[in-house]
N, C-alpha and C. Protein backbone atom coordinates (compact mmCIF):
# COMPACT_ATOMS: atom_id res chain seq x y z
N UNK A 1 -2.21 0.00 -8.62
CA UNK A 1 -1.53 -0.52 -6.98
C UNK A 1 -1.52 0.08 -5.56
N UNK A 2 -9.05 -7.83 -8.51
CA UNK A 2 -8.23 -8.43 -7.46
C UNK A 2 -9.26 -9.05 -6.80
N UNK A 3 -12.50 -11.71 -8.70
CA UNK A 3 -13.34 -12.34 -7.83
C UNK A 3 -12.75 -12.17 -6.46
N UNK A 4 -13.32 -11.47 -5.80
CA UNK A 4 -12.66 -10.85 -4.64
C UNK A 4 -12.95 -11.67 -3.39
N UNK A 5 -12.04 -12.49 -2.98
CA UNK A 5 -12.11 -13.17 -1.70
C UNK A 5 -11.04 -12.56 -0.83
N UNK A 6 -11.47 -11.97 0.26
CA UNK A 6 -10.51 -11.37 1.16
C UNK A 6 -11.25 -11.02 2.43
N UNK A 7 -10.51 -10.79 3.48
CA UNK A 7 -11.08 -10.30 4.73
C UNK A 7 -11.19 -8.79 4.63
N UNK A 8 -11.93 -8.16 5.55
CA UNK A 8 -12.12 -6.72 5.45
C UNK A 8 -11.09 -5.96 6.26
N UNK A 9 -9.97 -6.56 6.57
CA UNK A 9 -8.88 -5.82 7.18
C UNK A 9 -8.29 -4.91 6.13
N UNK A 10 -8.16 -3.61 6.45
CA UNK A 10 -7.82 -2.63 5.44
C UNK A 10 -6.54 -2.93 4.70
N UNK A 11 -6.55 -2.47 3.44
CA UNK A 11 -5.50 -2.46 2.44
C UNK A 11 -5.03 -3.82 2.07
N UNK A 12 -4.31 -3.78 1.01
CA UNK A 12 -3.75 -4.99 0.44
C UNK A 12 -4.44 -6.25 0.89
N UNK A 13 -5.78 -6.30 0.88
CA UNK A 13 -6.41 -7.57 1.14
C UNK A 13 -6.23 -8.39 -0.12
N UNK A 14 -6.05 -9.66 0.04
CA UNK A 14 -5.69 -10.49 -1.13
C UNK A 14 -6.74 -10.44 -2.23
N UNK A 15 -6.39 -9.87 -3.36
CA UNK A 15 -7.18 -9.99 -4.57
C UNK A 15 -6.80 -11.31 -5.22
N UNK A 16 -7.78 -12.00 -5.77
CA UNK A 16 -7.53 -13.32 -6.32
C UNK A 16 -7.06 -13.22 -7.76
N UNK A 17 -6.14 -14.05 -8.14
CA UNK A 17 -5.64 -14.09 -9.51
C UNK A 17 -5.21 -15.51 -9.83
N UNK A 18 -5.44 -15.94 -11.06
CA UNK A 18 -5.03 -17.28 -11.47
C UNK A 18 -3.63 -17.31 -12.05
N UNK A 19 -3.01 -16.13 -12.15
CA UNK A 19 -1.71 -16.07 -12.79
C UNK A 19 -0.59 -16.22 -11.78
N UNK A 20 0.53 -16.73 -12.26
CA UNK A 20 1.71 -16.89 -11.40
C UNK A 20 2.72 -15.84 -11.81
N UNK A 21 3.32 -15.17 -10.80
CA UNK A 21 4.26 -14.11 -11.10
C UNK A 21 5.55 -14.34 -10.33
N UNK A 22 6.66 -14.07 -10.97
CA UNK A 22 7.95 -14.08 -10.31
C UNK A 22 8.38 -12.64 -10.12
N UNK A 23 8.94 -12.33 -8.95
CA UNK A 23 9.34 -10.95 -8.70
C UNK A 23 10.37 -10.90 -7.61
N UNK A 24 11.07 -9.79 -7.53
CA UNK A 24 12.03 -9.56 -6.46
C UNK A 24 11.30 -8.91 -5.30
N UNK A 25 11.60 -9.36 -4.12
CA UNK A 25 10.97 -8.81 -2.94
C UNK A 25 11.98 -8.64 -1.83
N UNK A 26 11.77 -7.67 -1.01
CA UNK A 26 12.60 -7.50 0.17
C UNK A 26 11.79 -6.84 1.25
N UNK A 27 12.28 -6.91 2.48
CA UNK A 27 11.59 -6.28 3.58
C UNK A 27 12.31 -5.01 3.97
N UNK A 28 11.61 -4.11 4.58
CA UNK A 28 12.21 -2.83 4.89
C UNK A 28 11.76 -2.26 6.20
N UNK A 29 11.22 -1.29 6.52
CA UNK A 29 11.07 -0.44 7.68
C UNK A 29 9.76 -0.40 8.40
N UNK A 30 9.44 0.58 9.09
CA UNK A 30 8.27 0.60 9.93
C UNK A 30 7.77 2.00 10.15
N UNK A 31 6.97 2.20 11.17
CA UNK A 31 6.46 3.55 11.37
C UNK A 31 5.78 3.79 12.70
N UNK A 32 5.07 4.86 12.83
CA UNK A 32 4.52 5.33 14.08
C UNK A 32 3.09 5.79 13.93
N UNK A 33 2.48 6.44 14.90
CA UNK A 33 1.04 6.59 14.89
C UNK A 33 0.51 7.97 14.61
N UNK A 34 -0.71 8.20 15.12
CA UNK A 34 -1.48 9.39 14.85
C UNK A 34 -0.71 10.65 15.19
N UNK A 35 -0.72 11.59 14.28
CA UNK A 35 -0.07 12.87 14.50
C UNK A 35 -0.48 13.79 13.38
N UNK A 36 -0.36 15.09 13.62
CA UNK A 36 -0.71 16.06 12.59
C UNK A 36 0.49 16.45 11.77
N UNK A 37 1.67 15.91 12.11
CA UNK A 37 2.87 16.25 11.38
C UNK A 37 2.90 15.55 10.03
N UNK A 38 3.63 16.11 9.07
CA UNK A 38 3.74 15.46 7.76
C UNK A 38 4.38 14.09 7.90
N UNK A 39 4.05 13.15 6.97
CA UNK A 39 4.56 11.78 7.05
C UNK A 39 6.07 11.69 7.12
N UNK A 40 6.80 12.60 6.41
CA UNK A 40 8.25 12.46 6.41
C UNK A 40 8.82 12.71 7.80
N UNK A 41 8.10 13.52 8.63
CA UNK A 41 8.55 13.73 10.00
C UNK A 41 8.21 12.53 10.88
N UNK A 42 7.06 11.91 10.58
CA UNK A 42 6.69 10.71 11.33
C UNK A 42 7.73 9.61 11.15
N UNK A 43 8.30 9.54 9.95
CA UNK A 43 9.17 8.43 9.61
C UNK A 43 10.62 8.64 10.02
N UNK A 44 10.98 9.86 10.40
CA UNK A 44 12.37 10.16 10.67
C UNK A 44 12.91 9.28 11.79
N UNK A 45 14.02 8.66 11.55
CA UNK A 45 14.70 7.87 12.57
C UNK A 45 14.17 6.45 12.70
N UNK A 46 13.15 6.10 11.93
CA UNK A 46 12.58 4.77 12.03
C UNK A 46 13.01 3.97 10.81
N UNK A 47 14.07 3.19 10.98
CA UNK A 47 14.60 2.47 9.82
C UNK A 47 15.07 1.09 10.24
N UNK A 48 14.32 0.09 9.86
CA UNK A 48 14.63 -1.31 10.18
C UNK A 48 14.47 -2.10 8.92
N UNK A 49 15.43 -2.92 8.57
CA UNK A 49 15.30 -3.64 7.30
C UNK A 49 15.93 -5.02 7.37
N UNK A 50 15.39 -5.88 6.55
CA UNK A 50 15.92 -7.22 6.36
C UNK A 50 15.86 -7.48 4.87
N UNK A 51 16.94 -7.93 4.27
CA UNK A 51 16.95 -8.20 2.84
C UNK A 51 16.48 -9.63 2.57
N UNK A 52 15.82 -9.82 1.45
CA UNK A 52 15.36 -11.15 1.09
C UNK A 52 14.67 -11.13 -0.25
N UNK A 53 14.25 -12.29 -0.73
CA UNK A 53 13.54 -12.39 -1.98
C UNK A 53 12.24 -13.12 -1.73
N UNK A 54 11.13 -12.54 -2.24
CA UNK A 54 9.81 -13.16 -2.12
C UNK A 54 9.51 -13.58 -0.69
N UNK A 55 9.73 -12.70 0.24
CA UNK A 55 9.48 -13.04 1.63
C UNK A 55 8.92 -11.85 2.38
N UNK A 56 8.18 -12.14 3.44
CA UNK A 56 7.64 -11.10 4.30
C UNK A 56 8.40 -11.10 5.61
N UNK A 57 8.39 -9.97 6.26
CA UNK A 57 9.05 -9.86 7.55
C UNK A 57 7.99 -9.63 8.61
N UNK A 58 7.95 -10.44 9.63
CA UNK A 58 7.07 -10.22 10.76
C UNK A 58 7.88 -10.46 12.02
N UNK A 59 8.40 -9.41 12.56
CA UNK A 59 9.22 -9.50 13.76
C UNK A 59 8.39 -8.99 14.92
N UNK A 60 7.94 -9.92 15.80
CA UNK A 60 7.05 -9.53 16.88
C UNK A 60 5.72 -9.12 16.27
N UNK A 61 5.27 -7.90 16.57
CA UNK A 61 4.00 -7.41 16.05
C UNK A 61 4.23 -6.38 14.96
N UNK A 62 5.17 -6.67 14.06
CA UNK A 62 5.54 -5.74 13.00
C UNK A 62 5.35 -6.39 11.64
N UNK A 63 4.09 -6.50 11.14
CA UNK A 63 3.91 -7.09 9.82
C UNK A 63 4.49 -6.19 8.75
N UNK A 64 5.21 -6.77 7.82
CA UNK A 64 5.87 -6.00 6.79
C UNK A 64 6.09 -6.86 5.58
N UNK A 65 5.92 -6.27 4.40
CA UNK A 65 6.13 -7.02 3.17
C UNK A 65 6.35 -6.05 2.02
N UNK A 66 7.05 -6.54 0.99
CA UNK A 66 7.26 -5.77 -0.22
C UNK A 66 7.14 -6.72 -1.41
N UNK A 67 6.52 -6.20 -2.47
CA UNK A 67 6.39 -7.01 -3.68
C UNK A 67 6.49 -6.11 -4.90
N UNK A 68 7.16 -6.59 -5.94
CA UNK A 68 7.34 -5.83 -7.18
C UNK A 68 6.87 -6.65 -8.38
N UNK A 69 6.36 -5.96 -9.37
CA UNK A 69 5.96 -6.58 -10.64
C UNK A 69 6.39 -5.68 -11.79
N UNK A 70 6.91 -6.26 -12.86
CA UNK A 70 7.13 -5.52 -14.10
C UNK A 70 5.78 -5.37 -14.79
N UNK A 71 5.47 -4.15 -15.20
CA UNK A 71 4.17 -3.83 -15.78
C UNK A 71 4.34 -3.47 -17.25
N UNK A 72 3.52 -4.08 -18.09
CA UNK A 72 3.55 -3.79 -19.52
C UNK A 72 2.72 -2.55 -19.80
N UNK A 73 3.22 -1.43 -19.32
CA UNK A 73 2.55 -0.14 -19.50
C UNK A 73 3.59 0.95 -19.22
N UNK A 74 3.30 2.15 -19.67
CA UNK A 74 4.24 3.25 -19.42
C UNK A 74 4.18 3.65 -17.95
N UNK A 75 5.26 4.24 -17.42
CA UNK A 75 5.20 4.72 -16.04
C UNK A 75 4.13 5.78 -15.85
N UNK A 76 3.86 6.56 -16.90
CA UNK A 76 2.82 7.59 -16.81
C UNK A 76 1.44 6.95 -16.63
N UNK A 77 1.20 5.83 -17.32
CA UNK A 77 -0.10 5.15 -17.20
C UNK A 77 -0.28 4.56 -15.81
N UNK A 78 0.79 3.99 -15.25
CA UNK A 78 0.71 3.43 -13.90
C UNK A 78 0.56 4.54 -12.87
N UNK A 79 1.27 5.64 -13.08
CA UNK A 79 1.15 6.78 -12.16
C UNK A 79 -0.28 7.32 -12.14
N UNK A 80 -0.93 7.35 -13.28
CA UNK A 80 -2.31 7.81 -13.34
C UNK A 80 -3.22 6.94 -12.46
N UNK A 81 -2.95 5.64 -12.42
CA UNK A 81 -3.72 4.75 -11.54
C UNK A 81 -3.47 5.08 -10.07
N UNK A 82 -2.22 5.33 -9.71
CA UNK A 82 -1.93 5.66 -8.31
C UNK A 82 -2.59 6.97 -7.91
N UNK A 83 -2.65 7.93 -8.83
CA UNK A 83 -3.34 9.19 -8.55
C UNK A 83 -4.84 8.95 -8.37
N UNK A 84 -5.40 8.10 -9.20
CA UNK A 84 -6.82 7.76 -9.08
C UNK A 84 -7.09 7.04 -7.76
N UNK A 85 -6.17 6.19 -7.36
CA UNK A 85 -6.32 5.42 -6.12
C UNK A 85 -6.44 6.31 -4.90
N UNK A 86 -5.82 7.48 -4.93
CA UNK A 86 -5.85 8.38 -3.79
C UNK A 86 -7.29 8.80 -3.45
N UNK A 87 -8.07 9.11 -4.47
CA UNK A 87 -9.43 9.60 -4.23
C UNK A 87 -10.50 8.54 -4.49
N UNK A 88 -10.16 7.48 -5.17
CA UNK A 88 -11.14 6.44 -5.51
C UNK A 88 -10.60 5.06 -5.14
N UNK A 89 -10.43 4.79 -3.85
CA UNK A 89 -9.75 3.56 -3.43
C UNK A 89 -10.54 2.28 -3.67
N UNK A 90 -11.84 2.37 -3.87
CA UNK A 90 -12.64 1.14 -3.95
C UNK A 90 -12.25 0.28 -5.15
N UNK A 91 -11.66 0.87 -6.20
CA UNK A 91 -11.21 0.10 -7.36
C UNK A 91 -9.94 -0.69 -7.06
N UNK A 92 -9.25 -0.31 -5.99
CA UNK A 92 -7.92 -0.86 -5.72
C UNK A 92 -7.82 -1.56 -4.37
N UNK A 93 -8.64 -1.15 -3.42
CA UNK A 93 -8.58 -1.68 -2.05
C UNK A 93 -9.88 -2.41 -1.75
N UNK A 94 -9.84 -3.69 -1.47
CA UNK A 94 -11.07 -4.46 -1.24
C UNK A 94 -11.78 -4.06 0.03
N UNK A 95 -13.08 -4.17 0.01
CA UNK A 95 -13.88 -3.94 1.21
C UNK A 95 -14.25 -2.50 1.48
N UNK A 96 -13.82 -1.56 0.64
CA UNK A 96 -14.12 -0.15 0.88
C UNK A 96 -15.56 0.13 0.47
N UNK A 97 -16.34 0.64 1.42
CA UNK A 97 -17.75 0.95 1.15
C UNK A 97 -17.97 2.44 0.93
N UNK A 98 -17.10 3.25 1.52
CA UNK A 98 -17.27 4.69 1.43
C UNK A 98 -15.91 5.35 1.60
N UNK A 99 -15.70 6.46 0.90
CA UNK A 99 -14.45 7.22 1.05
C UNK A 99 -14.79 8.70 1.13
N UNK A 100 -14.20 9.38 2.10
CA UNK A 100 -14.38 10.83 2.25
C UNK A 100 -13.01 11.50 2.26
N UNK A 101 -12.85 12.55 1.50
CA UNK A 101 -11.64 13.35 1.53
C UNK A 101 -11.86 14.44 2.57
N UNK A 102 -11.15 14.35 3.69
CA UNK A 102 -11.35 15.28 4.80
C UNK A 102 -10.58 16.58 4.60
N UNK A 103 -9.47 16.48 3.89
CA UNK A 103 -8.66 17.67 3.63
C UNK A 103 -7.86 17.42 2.37
N UNK A 104 -7.72 18.46 1.54
CA UNK A 104 -6.95 18.30 0.32
C UNK A 104 -6.03 19.50 0.16
N UNK A 105 -4.72 19.22 0.14
CA UNK A 105 -3.73 20.27 -0.01
C UNK A 105 -3.14 20.20 -1.42
N UNK A 106 -3.96 20.43 -2.41
CA UNK A 106 -3.52 20.29 -3.79
C UNK A 106 -3.68 18.86 -4.26
N UNK A 107 -3.21 18.54 -5.47
CA UNK A 107 -3.45 17.22 -6.05
C UNK A 107 -2.60 16.10 -5.45
N UNK A 108 -1.59 16.44 -4.65
CA UNK A 108 -0.63 15.42 -4.21
C UNK A 108 -0.59 15.22 -2.70
N UNK A 109 -1.53 15.79 -1.97
CA UNK A 109 -1.54 15.63 -0.52
C UNK A 109 -2.97 15.74 -0.02
N UNK A 110 -3.38 14.76 0.78
CA UNK A 110 -4.74 14.79 1.30
C UNK A 110 -4.87 13.92 2.54
N UNK A 111 -5.97 14.15 3.27
CA UNK A 111 -6.36 13.31 4.40
C UNK A 111 -7.62 12.58 3.98
N UNK A 112 -7.59 11.27 4.06
CA UNK A 112 -8.69 10.45 3.55
C UNK A 112 -9.22 9.54 4.64
N UNK A 113 -10.54 9.37 4.65
CA UNK A 113 -11.16 8.42 5.59
C UNK A 113 -11.98 7.42 4.80
N UNK A 114 -11.70 6.12 5.03
CA UNK A 114 -12.40 5.05 4.33
C UNK A 114 -13.21 4.23 5.33
N UNK A 115 -14.38 3.82 4.87
CA UNK A 115 -15.24 2.96 5.69
C UNK A 115 -15.27 1.57 5.07
N UNK A 116 -15.01 0.57 5.92
CA UNK A 116 -15.15 -0.82 5.48
C UNK A 116 -16.32 -1.44 6.24
N UNK A 117 -16.52 -2.73 6.08
CA UNK A 117 -17.63 -3.37 6.76
C UNK A 117 -17.51 -3.37 8.27
N UNK A 118 -16.29 -3.33 8.79
CA UNK A 118 -16.07 -3.47 10.23
C UNK A 118 -15.64 -2.19 10.93
N UNK A 119 -14.96 -1.29 10.23
CA UNK A 119 -14.43 -0.11 10.90
C UNK A 119 -14.04 0.95 9.87
N UNK A 120 -13.54 2.08 10.36
CA UNK A 120 -13.08 3.15 9.49
C UNK A 120 -11.58 3.33 9.65
N UNK A 121 -10.95 3.78 8.57
CA UNK A 121 -9.50 3.98 8.53
C UNK A 121 -9.23 5.37 7.99
N UNK A 122 -8.37 6.09 8.70
CA UNK A 122 -7.99 7.43 8.24
C UNK A 122 -6.51 7.43 7.86
N UNK A 123 -6.21 8.06 6.71
CA UNK A 123 -4.85 8.07 6.20
C UNK A 123 -4.43 9.45 5.73
N UNK A 124 -3.18 9.77 5.97
CA UNK A 124 -2.54 10.93 5.36
C UNK A 124 -1.83 10.42 4.11
N UNK A 125 -2.15 10.99 2.96
CA UNK A 125 -1.59 10.51 1.70
C UNK A 125 -0.75 11.62 1.07
N UNK A 126 0.47 11.28 0.72
CA UNK A 126 1.37 12.25 0.08
C UNK A 126 2.01 11.59 -1.13
N UNK A 127 1.89 12.24 -2.29
CA UNK A 127 2.50 11.76 -3.51
C UNK A 127 3.75 12.57 -3.82
N UNK A 128 4.80 11.87 -4.23
CA UNK A 128 6.06 12.49 -4.62
C UNK A 128 6.19 12.32 -6.14
N UNK A 129 5.90 13.38 -6.88
CA UNK A 129 5.88 13.28 -8.33
C UNK A 129 7.26 12.96 -8.89
N UNK A 130 8.28 13.59 -8.33
CA UNK A 130 9.64 13.41 -8.85
C UNK A 130 10.08 11.95 -8.76
N UNK A 131 9.75 11.29 -7.64
CA UNK A 131 10.18 9.91 -7.43
C UNK A 131 9.08 8.89 -7.75
N UNK A 132 7.95 9.37 -8.24
CA UNK A 132 6.81 8.52 -8.59
C UNK A 132 6.46 7.57 -7.44
N UNK A 133 6.27 8.13 -6.26
CA UNK A 133 5.90 7.32 -5.10
C UNK A 133 4.74 7.97 -4.36
N UNK A 134 3.95 7.13 -3.70
CA UNK A 134 2.82 7.60 -2.90
C UNK A 134 2.88 6.90 -1.55
N UNK A 135 2.85 7.68 -0.47
CA UNK A 135 2.80 7.14 0.89
C UNK A 135 1.38 7.23 1.42
N UNK A 136 0.86 6.11 1.92
CA UNK A 136 -0.44 6.05 2.57
C UNK A 136 -0.16 5.80 4.06
N UNK A 137 -0.15 6.87 4.85
CA UNK A 137 0.25 6.78 6.25
C UNK A 137 -0.99 6.66 7.13
N UNK A 138 -1.05 5.63 7.95
CA UNK A 138 -2.18 5.42 8.84
C UNK A 138 -2.20 6.51 9.92
N UNK A 139 -3.31 7.20 9.99
CA UNK A 139 -3.53 8.19 11.04
C UNK A 139 -4.45 7.62 12.12
N UNK A 140 -5.42 6.83 11.67
CA UNK A 140 -6.36 6.21 12.62
C UNK A 140 -6.74 4.83 12.07
N UNK A 141 -6.34 3.80 12.79
CA UNK A 141 -6.65 2.41 12.43
C UNK A 141 -6.83 1.65 13.73
N UNK A 142 -7.81 0.73 13.81
CA UNK A 142 -8.07 0.05 15.09
C UNK A 142 -6.93 -0.86 15.56
N UNK A 143 -6.07 -1.33 14.65
CA UNK A 143 -5.06 -2.31 15.04
C UNK A 143 -3.62 -1.86 14.80
N UNK A 144 -3.39 -1.03 13.79
CA UNK A 144 -2.02 -0.77 13.36
C UNK A 144 -1.71 0.72 13.24
N UNK A 145 -0.45 1.04 13.36
CA UNK A 145 0.11 2.28 12.85
C UNK A 145 1.07 1.91 11.73
N UNK A 146 1.44 2.86 10.91
CA UNK A 146 2.40 2.55 9.86
C UNK A 146 2.02 3.16 8.54
N UNK A 147 2.57 2.61 7.48
CA UNK A 147 2.28 3.15 6.15
C UNK A 147 2.42 2.06 5.09
N UNK A 148 1.89 2.38 3.93
CA UNK A 148 2.12 1.59 2.73
C UNK A 148 2.64 2.55 1.67
N UNK A 149 3.72 2.18 1.02
CA UNK A 149 4.30 2.99 -0.05
C UNK A 149 4.10 2.29 -1.39
N UNK A 150 3.59 3.03 -2.36
CA UNK A 150 3.50 2.56 -3.74
C UNK A 150 4.53 3.34 -4.55
N UNK A 151 5.39 2.65 -5.29
CA UNK A 151 6.43 3.36 -6.04
C UNK A 151 6.62 2.74 -7.42
N UNK A 152 6.87 3.61 -8.40
CA UNK A 152 7.11 3.19 -9.78
C UNK A 152 8.57 3.48 -10.11
N UNK A 153 9.24 2.50 -10.68
CA UNK A 153 10.62 2.70 -11.13
C UNK A 153 10.74 2.26 -12.59
N UNK A 154 11.76 2.79 -13.25
CA UNK A 154 12.01 2.44 -14.64
C UNK A 154 13.40 1.82 -14.73
N UNK A 155 13.49 0.61 -15.30
CA UNK A 155 14.74 -0.12 -15.35
C UNK A 155 15.61 0.27 -16.53
N UNK A 156 16.78 -0.36 -16.64
CA UNK A 156 17.75 -0.03 -17.69
C UNK A 156 17.24 -0.31 -19.10
N UNK A 157 16.26 -1.19 -19.22
CA UNK A 157 15.68 -1.49 -20.53
C UNK A 157 14.32 -0.80 -20.70
N UNK A 158 14.12 0.26 -19.90
CA UNK A 158 12.88 1.04 -19.92
C UNK A 158 11.67 0.25 -19.44
N UNK A 159 11.90 -0.82 -18.69
CA UNK A 159 10.77 -1.56 -18.14
C UNK A 159 10.20 -0.82 -16.92
N UNK A 160 8.89 -0.83 -16.83
CA UNK A 160 8.19 -0.19 -15.72
C UNK A 160 7.97 -1.21 -14.61
N UNK A 161 8.39 -0.88 -13.40
CA UNK A 161 8.21 -1.78 -12.25
C UNK A 161 7.39 -1.08 -11.19
N UNK A 162 6.40 -1.78 -10.67
CA UNK A 162 5.54 -1.27 -9.60
C UNK A 162 5.83 -2.05 -8.33
N UNK A 163 6.09 -1.33 -7.24
CA UNK A 163 6.39 -1.94 -5.95
C UNK A 163 5.46 -1.38 -4.88
N UNK A 164 4.89 -2.28 -4.07
CA UNK A 164 4.15 -1.88 -2.88
C UNK A 164 4.94 -2.36 -1.67
N UNK A 165 5.07 -1.49 -0.69
CA UNK A 165 5.83 -1.82 0.51
C UNK A 165 4.96 -1.52 1.72
N UNK A 166 4.52 -2.56 2.40
CA UNK A 166 3.70 -2.43 3.61
C UNK A 166 4.61 -2.42 4.83
N UNK A 167 4.44 -1.42 5.69
CA UNK A 167 5.26 -1.25 6.88
C UNK A 167 4.35 -0.89 8.04
N UNK A 168 3.94 -1.86 8.79
CA UNK A 168 2.98 -1.65 9.86
C UNK A 168 3.56 -2.06 11.21
N UNK A 169 3.00 -1.48 12.27
CA UNK A 169 3.32 -1.87 13.64
C UNK A 169 1.99 -2.04 14.38
N UNK A 170 1.83 -3.16 15.03
CA UNK A 170 0.60 -3.39 15.78
C UNK A 170 0.55 -2.49 17.01
N UNK A 171 -0.60 -1.89 17.25
CA UNK A 171 -0.76 -1.02 18.41
C UNK A 171 -0.66 -1.82 19.70
N UNK A 172 -0.16 -1.19 20.73
CA UNK A 172 -0.03 -1.86 22.02
C UNK A 172 -1.40 -2.26 22.53
N UNK A 173 -1.54 -3.52 22.86
CA UNK A 173 -2.80 -4.03 23.39
C UNK A 173 -3.81 -4.41 22.33
N UNK A 174 -3.52 -4.13 21.06
CA UNK A 174 -4.45 -4.47 19.99
C UNK A 174 -4.42 -5.97 19.71
N UNK A 175 -5.56 -6.50 19.36
CA UNK A 175 -5.66 -7.91 18.99
C UNK A 175 -6.06 -7.99 17.53
N UNK A 176 -5.08 -7.80 16.68
CA UNK A 176 -5.34 -7.76 15.24
C UNK A 176 -5.65 -9.15 14.71
N UNK A 177 -6.56 -9.26 13.74
CA UNK A 177 -6.82 -10.55 13.11
C UNK A 177 -5.57 -11.06 12.41
N UNK A 178 -5.47 -12.36 12.18
CA UNK A 178 -4.32 -12.90 11.45
C UNK A 178 -4.18 -12.24 10.07
N UNK A 179 -2.96 -11.96 9.68
CA UNK A 179 -2.71 -11.30 8.42
C UNK A 179 -1.49 -11.92 7.75
N UNK A 180 -1.63 -12.24 6.47
CA UNK A 180 -0.51 -12.70 5.66
C UNK A 180 -0.06 -11.51 4.82
N UNK A 181 0.87 -10.69 5.32
CA UNK A 181 1.20 -9.45 4.62
C UNK A 181 1.79 -9.66 3.23
N UNK A 182 2.60 -10.70 3.07
CA UNK A 182 3.23 -10.89 1.76
C UNK A 182 2.21 -11.23 0.68
N UNK A 183 1.30 -12.12 1.00
CA UNK A 183 0.28 -12.50 0.02
C UNK A 183 -0.66 -11.34 -0.27
N UNK A 184 -1.02 -10.59 0.77
CA UNK A 184 -1.90 -9.43 0.58
C UNK A 184 -1.26 -8.40 -0.33
N UNK A 185 0.00 -8.09 -0.08
CA UNK A 185 0.69 -7.08 -0.89
C UNK A 185 0.91 -7.60 -2.31
N UNK A 186 1.29 -8.87 -2.46
CA UNK A 186 1.50 -9.42 -3.79
C UNK A 186 0.24 -9.30 -4.64
N UNK A 187 -0.88 -9.68 -4.08
CA UNK A 187 -2.12 -9.66 -4.85
C UNK A 187 -2.58 -8.24 -5.15
N UNK A 188 -2.30 -7.31 -4.25
CA UNK A 188 -2.64 -5.90 -4.52
C UNK A 188 -1.82 -5.36 -5.68
N UNK A 189 -0.54 -5.70 -5.73
CA UNK A 189 0.31 -5.26 -6.84
C UNK A 189 -0.16 -5.88 -8.15
N UNK A 190 -0.44 -7.17 -8.14
CA UNK A 190 -0.91 -7.87 -9.34
C UNK A 190 -2.20 -7.24 -9.86
N UNK A 191 -3.10 -6.90 -8.95
CA UNK A 191 -4.37 -6.27 -9.34
C UNK A 191 -4.12 -4.95 -10.06
N UNK A 192 -3.25 -4.12 -9.51
CA UNK A 192 -2.94 -2.83 -10.13
C UNK A 192 -2.24 -3.02 -11.46
N UNK A 193 -1.33 -3.98 -11.52
CA UNK A 193 -0.64 -4.33 -12.78
C UNK A 193 -1.65 -4.70 -13.86
N UNK A 194 -2.62 -5.52 -13.52
CA UNK A 194 -3.59 -5.98 -14.50
C UNK A 194 -4.52 -4.84 -14.94
N UNK A 195 -4.82 -3.91 -14.03
CA UNK A 195 -5.57 -2.71 -14.42
C UNK A 195 -4.78 -1.89 -15.44
N UNK A 196 -3.50 -1.72 -15.16
CA UNK A 196 -2.65 -0.93 -16.06
C UNK A 196 -2.51 -1.58 -17.43
N UNK A 197 -2.53 -2.92 -17.46
CA UNK A 197 -2.37 -3.65 -18.72
C UNK A 197 -3.70 -3.92 -19.41
N UNK A 198 -4.80 -3.40 -18.83
CA UNK A 198 -6.10 -3.58 -19.44
C UNK A 198 -6.66 -4.97 -19.32
N UNK A 199 -6.23 -5.71 -18.28
CA UNK A 199 -6.67 -7.09 -18.12
C UNK A 199 -7.75 -7.23 -17.06
N UNK A 200 -8.22 -6.11 -16.51
CA UNK A 200 -9.28 -6.15 -15.50
C UNK A 200 -10.52 -5.45 -16.05
């Protein structure tokens, strides 16, 4: 955390699936732009949320969406996919033609640059092993600033749940292509779920 019909706008481009999934969804926060500071400093003080189920939030130029799926796999197996996604995004993110690791600060922090058909995207990626979460913070994107968070949780019945949370802000003056954030995030989560369950 897809016969691939999607636009080449980075991340969570809709991966196609014939399956129907029910899940809990809510909207949450946002973010800021290019900086050399760690992501947790970028995010400080930026907290905007709207609660809901199976819905996306787009307030002004702030596309945002969250989607969760219960995964029939151990949290360790899903975490291994998220670790792989950091350095090998083409299996998880549609349209990626090339990926370069510009800086690596150990196994859980890196600066990554991806090339798609239309442009390049640079991200600061930080994994939190204790909380089983990975933040993909946009450092350089033609249309947006913000981040995407992938997080694994374990429920009271030991069920593994995977959640992707997209939190973007359109850059001032940018003319971003139309984006359906909820559908994009939903299909990205489903794709990762199916990889974890051996269905891809």
